Amino acid sequence: MDSKWADGTPIYRQLRDRVVAMILEGTLKEGDPLPSVRNVAAEFRLNPLTVLKGYQTLVEEQLVEKRRGLGMYVSTGARAALLKDERQRFLEQEWPKTQATIARLGLDVHELLGPKKND
């Protein structure tokens, strides 16, 4: 995880987003343990309550499960659920803007796909 935090977004939310990115990228897989709250707090000089709040958000979203006395683990199906949500968000929010830009610039499919490797 990156140790830099952006202004304007709560750190617990940024921490949540970083864990989500790690799940989507496959760095964290289903059943993998999350780094302990204590370790993350020490490594990034964060209040442990901030780390716990970020992790708790993931638990509430059912992306992570608490195992009493053992820690927190990536839930079964977490990556699939995240991919579904991200695809839906892209199709609803990003794609219409991209489509409008393509139309405004008069681009066609061949230009978008780029040159073929055999060309």
Protein backbone atom coordinates (compact mmCIF):
# COMPACT_ATOMS: atom_id res chain seq x y z
CA MET A 1 0.00 0.00 0.00
CA ASP A 2 1.06 3.53 -0.73
CA SER A 3 1.90 5.64 2.32
CA LYS A 4 0.60 8.91 0.85
CA TRP A 5 -2.89 10.10 1.73
CA ALA A 6 -4.91 12.56 -0.33
CA ASP A 7 -6.56 15.60 1.18
CA GLY A 8 -10.31 15.92 0.98
CA THR A 9 -11.18 12.24 1.49
CA PRO A 10 -11.19 10.64 4.93
CA ILE A 11 -8.20 8.37 5.47
CA TYR A 12 -10.38 5.45 6.54
CA ARG A 13 -12.16 5.70 3.18
CA GLN A 14 -8.85 5.83 1.30
CA LEU A 15 -7.66 2.79 3.23
CA ARG A 16 -10.88 0.97 2.30
CA ASP A 17 -10.36 1.91 -1.36
CA ARG A 18 -6.78 0.62 -1.30
CA VAL A 19 -7.87 -2.75 0.07
CA VAL A 20 -10.59 -2.90 -2.62
CA ALA A 21 -7.95 -2.18 -5.28
CA MET A 22 -5.75 -4.96 -3.87
CA ILE A 23 -8.68 -7.39 -4.08
CA LEU A 24 -9.52 -6.34 -7.65
CA GLU A 25 -5.86 -6.62 -8.73
CA GLY A 26 -5.53 -10.04 -7.11
CA THR A 27 -2.94 -8.95 -4.56
CA LEU A 28 -5.42 -10.05 -1.90
CA LYS A 29 -7.36 -13.20 -2.78
CA GLU A 30 -10.41 -14.82 -1.22
CA GLY A 31 -9.49 -16.22 2.17
CA ASP A 32 -6.34 -14.12 2.50
CA PRO A 33 -5.85 -12.28 5.79
CA LEU A 34 -5.77 -8.50 5.83
CA PRO A 35 -2.73 -6.95 7.49
CA SER A 36 -3.47 -6.47 11.18
CA VAL A 37 -4.91 -3.18 12.36
CA ARG A 38 -1.89 -2.74 14.61
CA ASN A 39 0.61 -3.32 11.76
CA VAL A 40 -1.15 -0.97 9.34
CA ALA A 41 -1.46 1.71 12.01
CA ALA A 42 2.24 1.45 12.85
CA GLU A 43 3.45 1.26 9.25
CA PHE A 44 1.45 4.26 8.04
CA ARG A 45 1.45 6.19 11.33
CA LEU A 46 -2.31 6.10 11.61
CA ASN A 47 -4.59 5.94 14.59
CA PRO A 48 -5.64 2.30 15.01
CA LEU A 49 -9.27 3.46 15.23
CA THR A 50 -8.93 4.94 11.73
CA VAL A 51 -7.66 1.63 10.38
CA LEU A 52 -10.39 -0.24 12.22
CA LYS A 53 -13.04 2.07 10.74
CA GLY A 54 -11.73 1.40 7.21
CA TYR A 55 -11.75 -2.34 7.84
CA GLN A 56 -15.21 -2.18 9.43
CA THR A 57 -16.52 -0.52 6.26
CA LEU A 58 -15.28 -3.55 4.31
CA VAL A 59 -16.99 -5.88 6.79
CA GLU A 60 -20.27 -3.97 6.40
CA GLU A 61 -19.95 -4.31 2.62
CA GLN A 62 -19.41 -8.07 3.13
CA LEU A 63 -16.06 -7.92 1.33
CA VAL A 64 -14.17 -8.91 4.48
CA GLU A 65 -15.14 -11.18 7.33
CA LYS A 66 -14.04 -11.05 10.95
CA ARG A 67 -12.78 -14.27 12.46
CA ARG A 68 -12.84 -13.93 16.21
CA GLY A 69 -9.33 -14.10 17.61
CA LEU A 70 -7.78 -14.53 14.16
CA GLY A 71 -8.28 -11.24 12.33
CA MET A 72 -10.02 -10.20 9.14
CA TYR A 73 -10.06 -12.13 5.90
CA VAL A 74 -11.18 -11.46 2.33
CA SER A 75 -14.66 -12.95 1.93
CA THR A 76 -15.53 -15.61 -0.61
CA GLY A 77 -16.96 -13.88 -3.68
CA ALA A 78 -15.51 -10.47 -2.79
CA ARG A 79 -13.64 -10.01 -6.08
CA ALA A 80 -16.63 -11.09 -8.17
CA ALA A 81 -18.92 -8.71 -6.29
CA LEU A 82 -16.45 -5.84 -6.70
CA LEU A 83 -16.02 -6.53 -10.41
CA LYS A 84 -19.79 -6.56 -10.88
CA ASP A 85 -20.15 -3.23 -9.03
CA GLU A 86 -17.21 -1.62 -10.84
CA ARG A 87 -18.49 -2.73 -14.26
CA GLN A 88 -21.96 -1.39 -13.48
CA ARG A 89 -20.51 1.92 -12.26
CA PHE A 90 -18.39 2.19 -15.42
CA LEU A 91 -21.34 1.49 -17.69
CA GLU A 92 -23.60 3.96 -15.90
CA GLN A 93 -21.15 6.77 -15.13
CA GLU A 94 -17.98 6.58 -17.22
CA TRP A 95 -19.07 5.01 -20.50
CA PRO A 96 -21.67 7.68 -21.40
CA LYS A 97 -18.97 10.38 -21.04
CA THR A 98 -16.52 8.32 -23.09
CA GLN A 99 -19.16 7.64 -25.73
CA ALA A 100 -19.97 11.35 -25.96
CA THR A 101 -16.27 12.20 -26.38
CA ILE A 102 -15.91 9.58 -29.14
CA ALA A 103 -18.91 11.01 -30.97
CA ARG A 104 -17.74 14.62 -30.47
CA LEU A 105 -14.31 13.80 -31.92
CA GLY A 106 -15.73 11.74 -34.76
CA LEU A 107 -13.61 8.71 -33.94
CA ASP A 108 -14.37 5.34 -35.50
CA VAL A 109 -13.79 1.79 -34.28
CA HIS A 110 -10.55 1.37 -36.27
CA GLU A 111 -9.01 4.47 -34.72
CA LEU A 112 -10.05 3.39 -31.24
CA LEU A 113 -8.59 -0.09 -31.60
CA GLY A 114 -5.33 1.25 -32.98
CA PRO A 115 -3.10 -0.24 -35.66
CA LYS A 116 -3.08 -4.00 -36.11
CA LYS A 117 0.10 -5.81 -35.13
CA ASN A 118 0.58 -6.98 -38.73
CA ASP A 119 0.45 -3.44 -40.15
